[in-house]
Amino acid sequence: MIRISQLKIPCGQGEKALEGRIHKSLRLGDPGRILSWQIEKHSLDARKKPDLYHIYTVSAALRGGRKAEEALVRRLRDKNVTFFIPSPYQFPQAGLEKLSERPVIIGAGPAGIFCALLLAEHGYRPLLIERGKPVEERQKDIETFWKTGRLDPSSNVQFGEGGAGAFSDGKLNTQVGDKAGRAEFVLRTFIEAGGPPEIRYDAKPHIGTDRLQVILPALRKRIQDAGGEVRFETCCTGFAIEEGRVKGVFLKGGEYIPAEVVVFAPGHSARDTFREIFRQGLIPVEQKNFAVGFRVSHPQALIDKSQYGMSDRKEMEKLGLEPAPYKLTARAVSGRGVYSFCMCPGGYIVNASSQDGLLAVNGMSYYDRGSKRANSAIVMTVGEEDFGSAHPLAGMEFQERLERKAYDLGEGKVPVQTFEGFKSRVTGSGSSHPLSGIGGGTEDLCICGDYREADLTDLFPEKMNLDLLDGMYQFGKKIRGFDGPEAFFAGVETRTSSPVRIPRGKDLCSVIEGFYPCGEGAGYAGGIMSAAMDGMKTAEAIGARFAPVE
């Protein structure tokens, strides 16, 4: 195959223009020599806005095969035209150790699903258990919660098929190094299950929560068709461990499942399970740093104008532009990191609570990213100094304290405050700046779940409030209006990543033989893609050691 990179096409020009650039780059007199081509990467160059360009990398196959392709590359001597041999993902050769029981996987988030999928398709007949419900039922429970405030602690934005990522923006970018082709496998699997084709090559791919609700049942069926079993409303309460080896899993209600291999992928919010592991004292648990802050919301047009130099939706559609994202980082004067996280263009702030009396928020958007507002978590790194203890669960308890405060501030509703109101309270200027000033008091604030105005300055210590202001001021220099009158905060964002880590070795196994900590909840991922890829790595480790279940 031939790879052609740095193909620059003005926004608004279609596939014909790209095809023309391919022919020009290869300098082929006969276009018919190209058997096929496909896009491998796509990004946007907005450095000279409003003159915007699509940047493509494509692969092409020529008549005459490898010999003709290598000869053309040698003749062109162009650093942007190279020869390569595709190397698809390969599951390892099966190991020799025998299993008398099928592997048990705890948690049907991205890590658990992709671990189960690979094990099922290679003959291991895994059992995947999930405390929450199938995504179809989960969707109904979440909508009921947003409308009525009645929370189901086992079926909500955090728990259920797909994990927390199922009710987010569905972003699929990752910074995890990948020479084994796992990312390509994950993306192709999503596409085969009904995902949009462009996720395979876009620099900032996303699915959207509406598409994920179609994809997840398809992945579930694929696991089941391959010999795996999926059980919902099945909560793990502990583990049987003898002589340093896992022997089985205890379930709520008294059921016991014997198992020699247990994959622990519960997501970042399984606090009751973390507490039980710590209480049992056999599986080591470590404290881990994470980040906390608020959701900040702006008009999407403000972000589009800054990123693209334009904000008219119809004009953007003509140029093939989606609502603009952003990624921001800053270092406060104190030295604390402040950054944007899980940015949702054209999205919604959602009540993402999972425990009675505690309140947490997240961001969500649909595939079309069609709302009028953009939101992102603006968060600050926190660690032992902030937790006030070196205890392994101190970070988790820190989260709970913040969420209890947020619940009380909002009287059970999402507490919201204008940025200018927050700034005035922190700096002592005294002006209230009510929400009615946002959008002239007529704009939909794009919040799923009931909300009320509250003073968010009471949530964090003063030094953290000052760090947050410092970060916002710096972001305002990068995106005009970011720290302006159209911005508001919603709190509190605490579920950025797991507050604990369960140590594992190079074989991905814990000190407990047969116990495999996996994914975001165990402290080894941070998002849909990295969690799915960690699930794959865990399945590979199991497959390379054990023979398929007879």
Protein backbone atom coordinates (compact mmCIF):
# COMPACT_ATOMS: atom_id res chain seq x y z
CA MET A 1 0.00 0.00 0.00
CA ILE A 2 1.01 3.60 -0.55
CA ARG A 3 0.48 6.23 2.15
CA ILE A 4 0.11 9.87 1.09
CA SER A 5 0.22 12.48 3.86
CA GLN A 6 -0.28 16.26 4.11
CA LEU A 7 -3.00 16.49 1.47
CA LYS A 8 -4.38 20.00 2.05
CA ILE A 9 -7.89 20.78 0.75
CA PRO A 10 -9.78 24.07 1.33
CA CYS A 11 -12.86 23.52 3.49
CA GLY A 12 -15.98 23.30 1.37
CA GLN A 13 -14.37 21.25 -1.39
CA GLY A 14 -15.50 17.64 -1.51
CA GLU A 15 -14.20 14.18 -2.30
CA LYS A 16 -13.51 15.03 -5.96
CA ALA A 17 -10.95 17.63 -4.88
CA LEU A 18 -9.29 15.12 -2.59
CA GLU A 19 -9.19 12.51 -5.34
CA GLY A 20 -7.59 15.06 -7.64
CA ARG A 21 -4.88 15.79 -5.07
CA ILE A 22 -4.17 12.07 -4.74
CA HIS A 23 -3.65 11.72 -8.50
CA LYS A 24 -1.47 14.85 -8.55
CA SER A 25 0.68 13.62 -5.66
CA LEU A 26 1.27 10.24 -7.32
CA ARG A 27 1.89 11.79 -10.75
CA LEU A 28 0.16 8.95 -12.55
CA GLY A 29 -0.69 9.53 -16.20
CA ASP A 30 -3.46 6.93 -15.98
CA PRO A 31 -5.83 7.43 -13.01
CA GLY A 32 -7.05 3.89 -13.62
CA ARG A 33 -3.82 2.59 -12.08
CA ILE A 34 -5.31 3.35 -8.66
CA LEU A 35 -7.41 0.34 -7.64
CA SER A 36 -8.74 1.91 -4.44
CA TRP A 37 -8.03 4.54 -1.83
CA GLN A 38 -9.33 5.44 1.61
CA ILE A 39 -8.86 8.16 4.19
CA GLU A 40 -6.55 7.18 7.05
CA LYS A 41 -6.39 10.46 8.98
CA HIS A 42 -8.24 13.76 8.87
CA SER A 43 -7.67 16.97 10.81
CA LEU A 44 -8.47 20.66 10.48
CA ASP A 45 -5.95 23.45 9.92
CA ALA A 46 -7.43 26.66 11.38
CA ARG A 47 -4.21 28.62 11.85
CA LYS A 48 -5.21 31.24 9.25
CA LYS A 49 -8.91 31.51 10.06
CA PRO A 50 -11.32 32.15 8.50
CA ASP A 51 -9.32 30.41 5.70
CA LEU A 52 -9.70 26.81 6.86
CA TYR A 53 -8.27 23.61 5.39
CA HIS A 54 -8.86 19.89 5.73
CA ILE A 55 -5.62 17.92 6.08
CA TYR A 56 -5.75 14.28 4.97
CA THR A 57 -3.58 11.20 5.02
CA VAL A 58 -4.81 8.51 2.61
CA SER A 59 -3.77 5.02 1.61
CA ALA A 60 -3.95 3.78 -1.97
CA ALA A 61 -3.57 0.43 -3.72
CA LEU A 62 -2.17 0.30 -7.28
CA ARG A 63 -2.59 -2.14 -10.11
CA GLY A 64 0.48 -4.36 -10.08
CA GLY A 65 0.48 -4.68 -6.28
CA ARG A 66 3.49 -4.30 -4.01
CA LYS A 67 6.09 -4.29 -6.78
CA ALA A 68 4.41 -1.40 -8.60
CA GLU A 69 3.83 0.54 -5.37
CA GLU A 70 7.45 0.26 -4.20
CA ALA A 71 8.70 1.29 -7.64
CA LEU A 72 6.47 4.38 -7.67
CA VAL A 73 7.61 5.47 -4.20
CA ARG A 74 11.28 5.14 -5.24
CA ARG A 75 10.65 7.17 -8.39
CA LEU A 76 8.76 10.01 -6.64
CA ARG A 77 11.28 10.56 -3.81
CA ASP A 78 8.62 12.47 -1.86
CA LYS A 79 8.75 12.31 1.95
CA ASN A 80 4.94 12.53 1.99
CA VAL A 81 4.54 9.44 -0.21
CA THR A 82 5.67 6.20 1.45
CA PHE A 83 5.17 2.46 1.10
CA PHE A 84 3.76 0.45 3.98
CA ILE A 85 2.43 -3.02 4.69
CA PRO A 86 -0.83 -3.04 6.70
CA SER A 87 -0.52 -4.93 9.99
CA PRO A 88 -3.98 -5.78 11.35
CA TYR A 89 -4.53 -6.51 15.02
CA GLN A 90 -3.64 -10.04 16.11
CA PHE A 91 -4.85 -11.82 19.25
CA PRO A 92 -2.00 -13.87 20.76
CA GLN A 93 -1.66 -17.61 20.37
CA ALA A 94 -3.54 -19.40 23.14
CA GLY A 95 -1.62 -20.48 26.23
CA LEU A 96 -1.46 -24.01 27.63
CA GLU A 97 -2.74 -23.66 31.20
CA LYS A 98 -6.21 -25.13 31.56
CA LEU A 99 -9.20 -23.38 33.10
CA SER A 100 -11.83 -25.42 34.88
CA GLU A 101 -14.13 -22.37 35.13
CA ARG A 102 -14.89 -19.63 32.62
CA PRO A 103 -13.41 -16.16 33.24
CA VAL A 104 -15.66 -13.71 35.10
CA ILE A 105 -15.53 -10.03 34.08
CA ILE A 106 -16.93 -7.43 36.47
CA GLY A 107 -18.26 -4.28 34.82
CA ALA A 108 -19.79 -3.69 31.36
CA GLY A 109 -18.03 -0.43 30.59
CA PRO A 110 -15.65 -0.18 27.61
CA ALA A 111 -12.91 -2.19 29.36
CA GLY A 112 -15.23 -5.03 30.36
CA ILE A 113 -17.03 -5.14 27.02
CA PHE A 114 -13.89 -5.35 24.88
CA CYS A 115 -12.25 -7.82 27.25
CA ALA A 116 -15.38 -10.00 27.05
CA LEU A 117 -15.61 -9.61 23.28
CA LEU A 118 -12.07 -10.82 22.62
CA LEU A 119 -12.28 -13.68 25.11
CA ALA A 120 -15.64 -14.80 23.72
CA GLU A 121 -14.46 -14.73 20.11
CA HIS A 122 -11.43 -16.83 21.00
CA GLY A 123 -13.23 -19.60 22.82
CA TYR A 124 -13.10 -18.60 26.50
CA ARG A 125 -16.88 -18.31 27.05
CA PRO A 126 -16.60 -15.42 29.58
CA LEU A 127 -19.32 -14.31 31.98
CA LEU A 128 -19.72 -10.51 31.97
CA ILE A 129 -21.62 -9.14 34.98
CA GLU A 130 -22.92 -5.60 35.43
CA ARG A 131 -24.69 -4.10 38.45
CA GLY A 132 -26.75 -1.79 36.22
CA LYS A 133 -29.24 -2.43 33.47
CA PRO A 134 -29.09 -2.85 29.68
CA VAL A 135 -28.69 0.50 27.97
CA GLU A 136 -32.30 0.53 26.73
CA GLU A 137 -33.68 0.31 30.29
CA ARG A 138 -30.92 2.48 31.66
CA GLN A 139 -31.90 5.30 29.31
CA LYS A 140 -35.45 5.28 30.72
CA ASP A 141 -34.19 5.33 34.33
CA ILE A 142 -31.90 8.28 33.61
CA GLU A 143 -34.62 10.28 31.88
CA THR A 144 -36.93 9.61 34.83
CA PHE A 145 -34.23 10.85 37.21
CA TRP A 146 -33.69 14.04 35.22
CA LYS A 147 -37.45 14.73 35.16
CA THR A 148 -38.40 13.74 38.71
CA GLY A 149 -35.20 13.61 40.77
CA ARG A 150 -35.87 9.95 41.70
CA LEU A 151 -32.44 8.25 41.57
CA ASP A 152 -31.86 4.55 40.97
CA PRO A 153 -28.42 3.92 42.61
CA SER A 154 -27.78 0.96 40.28
CA SER A 155 -29.03 2.48 37.02
CA ASN A 156 -27.85 6.01 36.30
CA VAL A 157 -25.25 8.01 34.39
CA GLN A 158 -22.44 6.09 36.14
CA PHE A 159 -23.80 2.53 36.30
CA GLY A 160 -25.21 0.34 33.56
CA GLU A 161 -24.24 -1.07 30.18
CA GLY A 162 -21.55 1.07 28.55
CA GLY A 163 -20.39 2.66 31.81
CA ALA A 164 -20.14 6.41 32.34
CA GLY A 165 -18.99 6.92 28.74
CA ALA A 166 -22.38 5.87 27.38
CA PHE A 167 -23.86 9.18 28.56
CA SER A 168 -21.09 11.54 27.53
CA ASP A 169 -19.89 13.01 24.25
CA GLY A 170 -18.60 9.61 23.17
CA LYS A 171 -15.12 10.96 22.39
CA LEU A 172 -12.76 8.33 20.98
CA ASN A 173 -9.40 10.10 20.96
CA THR A 174 -6.59 8.76 23.11
CA GLN A 175 -2.94 9.52 23.83
CA VAL A 176 -2.11 5.88 24.57
CA GLY A 177 0.74 4.54 22.42
CA ASP A 178 -0.52 1.82 20.09
CA LYS A 179 1.70 -0.26 17.81
CA ALA A 180 -0.45 -3.39 18.12
CA GLY A 181 -3.49 -2.01 16.25
CA ARG A 182 -5.83 -2.03 19.23
CA ALA A 183 -7.21 1.45 18.55
CA GLU A 184 -7.98 0.49 14.94
CA PHE A 185 -9.73 -2.66 16.18
CA VAL A 186 -11.88 -0.69 18.64
CA LEU A 187 -12.90 1.88 16.02
CA ARG A 188 -13.71 -0.74 13.39
CA THR A 189 -15.72 -2.69 15.97
CA PHE A 190 -17.78 0.42 16.75
CA ILE A 191 -18.36 1.04 13.03
CA GLU A 192 -19.45 -2.58 12.46
CA ALA A 193 -21.91 -2.15 15.35
CA GLY A 194 -23.47 0.97 13.79
CA GLY A 195 -20.99 3.77 14.51
CA PRO A 196 -20.28 6.55 11.99
CA PRO A 197 -17.52 5.59 9.48
CA GLU A 198 -15.51 8.79 10.00
CA ILE A 199 -14.49 7.81 13.53
CA ARG A 200 -11.83 5.57 11.97
CA TYR A 201 -9.82 8.51 10.66
CA ASP A 202 -10.93 11.76 12.31
CA ALA A 203 -8.33 13.39 14.56
CA LYS A 204 -11.04 14.09 17.15
CA PRO A 205 -13.59 11.30 16.63
CA HIS A 206 -16.83 11.13 18.57
CA ILE A 207 -19.95 8.97 18.50
CA GLY A 208 -22.46 10.80 20.67
CA THR A 209 -24.61 9.28 23.36
CA ASP A 210 -27.50 8.61 20.95
CA ARG A 211 -25.33 6.47 18.66
CA LEU A 212 -23.83 4.60 21.62
CA GLN A 213 -27.30 3.49 22.62
CA VAL A 214 -27.53 1.67 19.27
CA ILE A 215 -23.97 0.33 19.30
CA LEU A 216 -23.99 -1.20 22.80
CA PRO A 217 -26.79 -3.73 22.20
CA ALA A 218 -25.01 -4.80 19.00
CA LEU A 219 -21.77 -5.41 20.93
CA ARG A 220 -23.71 -7.32 23.59
CA LYS A 221 -25.20 -9.59 20.89
CA ARG A 222 -21.78 -10.15 19.36
CA ILE A 223 -20.43 -11.32 22.73
CA GLN A 224 -23.40 -13.62 23.24
CA ASP A 225 -23.25 -15.03 19.70
CA ALA A 226 -19.58 -15.90 20.29
CA GLY A 227 -20.39 -17.93 23.42
CA GLY A 228 -20.16 -15.31 26.16
CA GLU A 229 -22.86 -14.58 28.73
CA VAL A 230 -23.94 -11.13 29.88
CA ARG A 231 -25.85 -10.70 33.15
CA PHE A 232 -27.29 -7.34 34.24
CA GLU A 233 -28.48 -6.22 37.69
CA THR A 234 -25.76 -8.48 39.10
CA CYS A 235 -23.58 -6.76 41.69
CA CYS A 236 -20.25 -8.10 42.94
CA THR A 237 -19.89 -7.75 46.72
CA GLY A 238 -16.54 -9.49 47.29
CA PHE A 239 -14.10 -12.22 46.35
CA ALA A 240 -13.13 -15.66 47.62
CA ILE A 241 -9.34 -15.75 47.93
CA GLU A 242 -7.34 -18.71 49.22
CA GLU A 243 -3.56 -19.02 49.48
CA GLY A 244 -3.03 -15.96 47.31
CA ARG A 245 -5.33 -17.10 44.49
CA VAL A 246 -8.79 -15.95 43.50
CA LYS A 247 -11.35 -18.72 43.80
CA GLY A 248 -14.64 -17.01 43.09
CA VAL A 249 -16.94 -14.01 43.22
CA PHE A 250 -19.65 -13.23 45.77
CA LEU A 251 -22.78 -11.51 44.45
CA LYS A 252 -25.44 -9.41 46.11
CA GLY A 253 -28.21 -11.74 47.22
CA GLY A 254 -25.83 -14.49 48.34
CA GLU A 255 -24.93 -16.13 45.03
CA TYR A 256 -21.38 -17.42 44.58
CA ILE A 257 -19.65 -17.95 41.23
CA PRO A 258 -16.47 -20.07 41.20
CA ALA A 259 -13.71 -18.54 39.05
CA GLU A 260 -9.97 -18.93 38.56
CA VAL A 261 -9.75 -15.76 36.47
CA VAL A 262 -11.53 -12.56 37.48
CA VAL A 263 -11.23 -9.32 35.50
CA PHE A 264 -12.05 -6.37 37.75
CA ALA A 265 -13.29 -3.49 35.55
CA PRO A 266 -15.96 -1.76 37.66
CA GLY A 267 -15.55 1.86 36.46
CA HIS A 268 -14.49 4.80 38.59
CA SER A 269 -17.65 5.06 40.73
CA ALA A 270 -17.93 1.60 42.34
CA ARG A 271 -17.21 3.00 45.78
CA ASP A 272 -18.96 0.22 47.71
CA THR A 273 -16.83 -2.40 45.93
CA PHE A 274 -13.61 -0.48 46.58
CA ARG A 275 -14.53 -0.28 50.26
CA GLU A 276 -15.18 -4.02 50.40
CA ILE A 277 -11.85 -4.81 48.76
CA PHE A 278 -10.07 -2.57 51.26
CA ARG A 279 -12.01 -4.08 54.19
CA GLN A 280 -11.11 -7.59 53.09
CA GLY A 281 -7.45 -6.52 53.08
CA LEU A 282 -6.17 -9.14 50.63
CA ILE A 283 -5.97 -7.08 47.43
CA PRO A 284 -3.74 -3.98 47.69
CA VAL A 285 -5.39 -0.61 47.01
CA GLU A 286 -3.48 2.65 46.47
CA GLN A 287 -4.52 6.27 46.62
CA LYS A 288 -4.40 8.03 43.22
CA ASN A 289 -4.44 11.69 42.23
CA PHE A 290 -7.28 12.93 40.01
CA ALA A 291 -8.98 16.26 39.28
CA VAL A 292 -12.05 18.16 40.43
CA GLY A 293 -13.81 21.35 39.39
CA PHE A 294 -16.92 22.64 37.67
CA ARG A 295 -18.64 22.32 34.32
CA VAL A 296 -18.32 25.65 32.51
CA SER A 297 -20.85 26.53 29.81
CA HIS A 298 -20.63 29.06 26.96
CA PRO A 299 -22.68 29.80 23.84
CA GLN A 300 -21.38 27.46 21.13
CA ALA A 301 -21.23 30.45 18.77
CA LEU A 302 -18.62 32.07 21.04
CA ILE A 303 -16.40 28.99 20.75
CA ASP A 304 -16.97 28.66 16.99
CA LYS A 305 -16.02 32.29 16.42
CA SER A 306 -12.80 31.88 18.35
CA GLN A 307 -11.78 28.57 16.76
CA TYR A 308 -12.98 29.08 13.18
CA GLY A 309 -13.33 32.83 12.76
CA MET A 310 -17.05 32.34 12.04
CA SER A 311 -20.15 31.33 13.98
CA ASP A 312 -22.97 31.03 11.44
CA ARG A 313 -24.13 27.39 11.55
CA LYS A 314 -25.27 27.32 7.89
CA GLU A 315 -21.96 28.74 6.69
CA MET A 316 -20.11 26.16 8.79
CA GLU A 317 -22.19 23.31 7.37
CA LYS A 318 -21.33 24.39 3.81
CA LEU A 319 -17.65 24.11 4.74
CA GLY A 320 -18.09 20.73 6.44
CA LEU A 321 -17.36 22.12 9.90
CA GLU A 322 -18.77 20.66 13.10
CA PRO A 323 -19.37 22.75 16.23
CA ALA A 324 -15.88 23.63 17.42
CA PRO A 325 -14.13 21.93 20.34
CA TYR A 326 -11.28 23.28 22.45
CA LYS A 327 -8.58 21.94 24.73
CA LEU A 328 -7.04 24.24 27.33
CA THR A 329 -4.31 23.90 29.93
CA ALA A 330 -2.85 26.33 32.43
CA ARG A 331 -0.57 26.43 35.44
CA ALA A 332 -1.90 28.51 38.32
CA VAL A 333 0.45 30.76 40.29
CA SER A 334 0.34 28.18 43.09
CA GLY A 335 1.71 25.56 40.68
CA ARG A 336 -1.54 23.58 40.48
CA GLY A 337 -2.58 22.35 37.04
CA VAL A 338 -5.90 23.68 35.68
CA TYR A 339 -7.28 22.23 32.45
CA SER A 340 -10.35 21.48 30.37
CA PHE A 341 -11.64 17.91 30.41
CA CYS A 342 -14.33 16.04 28.46
CA MET A 343 -15.28 19.04 26.31
CA CYS A 344 -18.75 18.72 24.75
CA PRO A 345 -19.43 20.98 21.73
CA GLY A 346 -23.14 21.60 21.26
CA GLY A 347 -23.78 19.59 24.40
CA TYR A 348 -25.58 19.43 27.73
CA ILE A 349 -24.56 19.51 31.37
CA VAL A 350 -26.10 16.47 33.07
CA ASN A 351 -26.85 15.48 36.64
CA ALA A 352 -24.58 12.42 36.86
CA SER A 353 -25.25 11.44 40.49
CA SER A 354 -25.10 7.80 41.57
CA GLN A 355 -25.65 7.99 45.35
CA ASP A 356 -28.55 9.39 47.35
CA GLY A 357 -27.65 12.67 49.03
CA LEU A 358 -24.61 13.26 46.79
CA LEU A 359 -24.49 15.23 43.54
CA ALA A 360 -22.03 15.16 40.64
CA VAL A 361 -22.25 16.57 37.11
CA ASN A 362 -20.89 15.52 33.74
CA GLY A 363 -21.14 16.61 30.11
CA MET A 364 -23.03 14.90 27.30
CA SER A 365 -23.73 15.54 23.64
CA TYR A 366 -25.51 13.78 20.82
CA TYR A 367 -23.91 12.86 17.51
CA ASP A 368 -25.04 16.09 15.82
CA ARG A 369 -23.77 18.23 18.71
CA GLY A 370 -26.79 20.35 18.00
CA SER A 371 -27.45 22.34 21.18
CA LYS A 372 -26.71 26.05 21.38
CA ARG A 373 -24.17 25.75 24.19
CA ALA A 374 -20.74 24.20 24.66
CA ASN A 375 -19.58 22.84 27.99
CA SER A 376 -16.43 21.39 29.46
CA ALA A 377 -15.13 20.43 32.86
CA ILE A 378 -12.60 22.97 34.08
CA VAL A 379 -10.74 21.00 36.70
CA MET A 380 -7.79 21.19 39.06
CA THR A 381 -5.41 18.40 40.00
CA VAL A 382 -5.79 17.19 43.60
CA GLY A 383 -3.78 14.81 45.74
CA GLU A 384 -2.90 13.77 49.27
CA GLU A 385 -2.35 17.35 50.46
CA ASP A 386 -5.93 18.21 49.47
CA PHE A 387 -7.38 14.94 50.78
CA GLY A 388 -5.82 15.48 54.20
CA SER A 389 -4.72 11.87 54.54
CA ALA A 390 -2.50 9.18 53.00
CA HIS A 391 -5.25 6.58 53.49
CA PRO A 392 -5.86 4.61 50.25
CA LEU A 393 -9.52 5.68 50.16
CA ALA A 394 -8.94 9.33 51.16
CA GLY A 395 -9.42 10.57 47.59
CA MET A 396 -12.72 8.75 47.31
CA GLU A 397 -13.89 10.26 50.59
CA PHE A 398 -12.77 13.70 49.36
CA GLN A 399 -15.02 13.20 46.31
CA GLU A 400 -17.94 12.28 48.55
CA ARG A 401 -17.51 15.33 50.76
CA LEU A 402 -17.61 17.61 47.71
CA GLU A 403 -20.64 15.85 46.27
CA ARG A 404 -22.51 16.07 49.57
CA LYS A 405 -21.80 19.81 49.69
CA ALA A 406 -23.02 20.21 46.09
CA TYR A 407 -26.23 18.32 46.89
CA ASP A 408 -26.88 20.54 49.92
CA LEU A 409 -26.09 23.75 47.99
CA GLY A 410 -28.53 22.84 45.26
CA GLU A 411 -31.08 21.26 47.61
CA GLY A 412 -30.86 18.14 45.47
CA LYS A 413 -30.71 20.08 42.20
CA VAL A 414 -27.65 20.98 40.14
CA PRO A 415 -26.17 24.15 41.75
CA VAL A 416 -25.37 26.78 39.12
CA GLN A 417 -23.65 30.20 39.28
CA THR A 418 -22.53 32.71 36.65
CA PHE A 419 -18.76 32.96 36.33
CA GLU A 420 -18.93 36.69 37.07
CA GLY A 421 -20.96 35.97 40.20
CA PHE A 422 -18.38 33.40 41.30
CA LYS A 423 -15.55 35.83 40.57
CA SER A 424 -17.26 38.62 42.50
CA ARG A 425 -17.70 36.43 45.57
CA VAL A 426 -14.09 35.19 45.51
CA THR A 427 -12.59 38.64 44.96
CA GLY A 428 -15.04 40.41 47.29
CA SER A 429 -16.47 42.84 44.74
CA GLY A 430 -19.99 42.11 46.01
CA SER A 431 -22.04 42.02 42.79
CA SER A 432 -24.31 38.95 42.39
CA HIS A 433 -24.57 38.65 38.55
CA PRO A 434 -27.65 36.38 38.47
CA LEU A 435 -28.32 33.68 35.85
CA SER A 436 -31.06 35.82 34.33
CA GLY A 437 -28.28 37.81 32.68
CA ILE A 438 -27.17 34.81 30.59
CA GLY A 439 -28.44 35.13 27.02
CA GLY A 440 -30.69 37.98 28.04
CA GLY A 441 -32.56 35.59 30.35
CA THR A 442 -34.13 33.73 27.42
CA GLU A 443 -31.49 31.19 26.37
CA ASP A 444 -31.88 27.51 27.24
CA LEU A 445 -29.04 26.68 29.61
CA CYS A 446 -28.85 23.10 28.23
CA ILE A 447 -28.90 21.27 31.56
CA CYS A 448 -30.41 17.77 31.91
CA GLY A 449 -31.97 17.61 35.34
CA ASP A 450 -33.37 20.36 37.53
CA TYR A 451 -31.05 23.14 38.68
CA ARG A 452 -30.99 26.20 40.92
CA GLU A 453 -28.75 29.19 41.52
CA ALA A 454 -26.30 28.77 44.41
CA ASP A 455 -23.02 30.15 45.71
CA LEU A 456 -20.41 27.67 44.44
CA THR A 457 -17.56 29.43 46.22
CA ASP A 458 -18.42 27.38 49.31
CA LEU A 459 -17.49 24.08 47.62
CA PHE A 460 -13.71 24.35 47.45
CA PRO A 461 -11.13 25.86 49.79
CA GLU A 462 -10.20 29.49 49.02
CA LYS A 463 -6.84 28.53 47.51
CA MET A 464 -8.57 26.24 45.00
CA ASN A 465 -11.08 28.97 44.10
CA LEU A 466 -8.15 31.30 43.38
CA ASP A 467 -6.43 28.65 41.26
CA LEU A 468 -9.66 28.17 39.29
CA LEU A 469 -9.96 31.92 38.68
CA ASP A 470 -6.33 32.06 37.59
CA GLY A 471 -6.94 29.28 35.07
CA MET A 472 -10.09 30.95 33.73
CA TYR A 473 -8.28 34.25 33.25
CA GLN A 474 -5.55 32.48 31.27
CA PHE A 475 -8.16 30.69 29.14
CA GLY A 476 -9.85 34.03 28.48
CA LYS A 477 -6.66 35.19 26.75
CA LYS A 478 -6.83 32.16 24.43
CA ILE A 479 -10.59 32.21 23.74
CA ARG A 480 -12.09 35.68 23.88
CA GLY A 481 -15.08 35.74 26.21
CA PHE A 482 -14.20 32.50 27.98
CA ASP A 483 -14.05 34.37 31.29
CA GLY A 484 -16.83 36.74 30.28
CA PRO A 485 -20.49 37.40 31.13
CA GLU A 486 -21.92 34.52 29.05
CA ALA A 487 -20.10 31.84 31.07
CA PHE A 488 -21.60 29.95 33.98
CA PHE A 489 -20.44 27.18 36.33
CA ALA A 490 -22.33 24.02 37.36
CA GLY A 491 -21.03 21.81 40.13
CA VAL A 492 -19.49 19.66 41.07
CA GLU A 493 -17.30 17.66 38.64
CA THR A 494 -15.52 14.92 40.60
CA ARG A 495 -15.60 11.78 38.44
CA THR A 496 -12.73 12.69 36.11
CA SER A 497 -10.92 9.43 36.89
CA SER A 498 -10.67 6.81 39.58
CA PRO A 499 -9.46 7.98 43.01
CA VAL A 500 -7.77 4.60 43.58
CA ARG A 501 -5.42 2.22 41.78
CA ILE A 502 -5.14 -1.53 42.27
CA PRO A 503 -1.51 -2.43 41.53
CA ARG A 504 -0.75 -5.02 38.85
CA GLY A 505 2.41 -6.53 37.36
CA LYS A 506 3.73 -6.74 33.82
CA ASP A 507 1.47 -9.75 33.27
CA LEU A 508 -1.46 -7.40 34.20
CA CYS A 509 -2.26 -9.63 37.17
CA SER A 510 -2.59 -8.39 40.75
CA VAL A 511 -0.54 -9.92 43.57
CA ILE A 512 -3.58 -12.16 43.88
CA GLU A 513 -3.14 -14.92 41.29
CA GLY A 514 -5.91 -14.83 38.67
CA PHE A 515 -7.16 -11.34 39.64
CA TYR A 516 -6.79 -8.81 36.79
CA PRO A 517 -7.46 -5.11 37.63
CA CYS A 518 -8.54 -3.43 34.41
CA GLY A 519 -9.72 -0.16 32.93
CA GLU A 520 -10.54 3.20 34.44
CA GLY A 521 -11.91 2.01 37.77
CA ALA A 522 -8.73 0.08 38.57
CA GLY A 523 -6.64 3.15 37.70
CA TYR A 524 -5.35 2.20 34.23
CA ALA A 525 -7.38 4.25 31.75
CA GLY A 526 -9.06 7.60 31.25
CA GLY A 527 -11.81 7.54 28.66
CA ILE A 528 -13.62 5.20 26.28
CA MET A 529 -10.68 4.39 24.01
CA SER A 530 -8.00 3.86 26.63
CA ALA A 531 -10.40 1.75 28.72
CA ALA A 532 -11.39 -0.40 25.73
CA MET A 533 -7.74 -0.87 24.80
CA ASP A 534 -6.86 -1.84 28.38
CA GLY A 535 -9.68 -4.39 28.27
CA MET A 536 -8.11 -5.81 25.11
CA LYS A 537 -4.65 -5.96 26.73
CA THR A 538 -6.13 -7.82 29.69
CA ALA A 539 -7.87 -10.31 27.41
CA GLU A 540 -4.57 -10.83 25.58
CA ALA A 541 -2.74 -11.51 28.86
CA ILE A 542 -5.35 -14.12 29.81
CA GLY A 543 -5.37 -15.63 26.32
CA ALA A 544 -1.58 -15.91 26.15
CA ARG A 545 -1.51 -17.82 29.43
CA PHE A 546 -4.63 -19.99 29.38
CA ALA A 547 -6.17 -22.36 26.86
CA PRO A 548 -9.77 -21.75 25.74
CA VAL A 549 -12.42 -23.21 28.03
CA GLU A 550 -13.45 -26.73 27.01
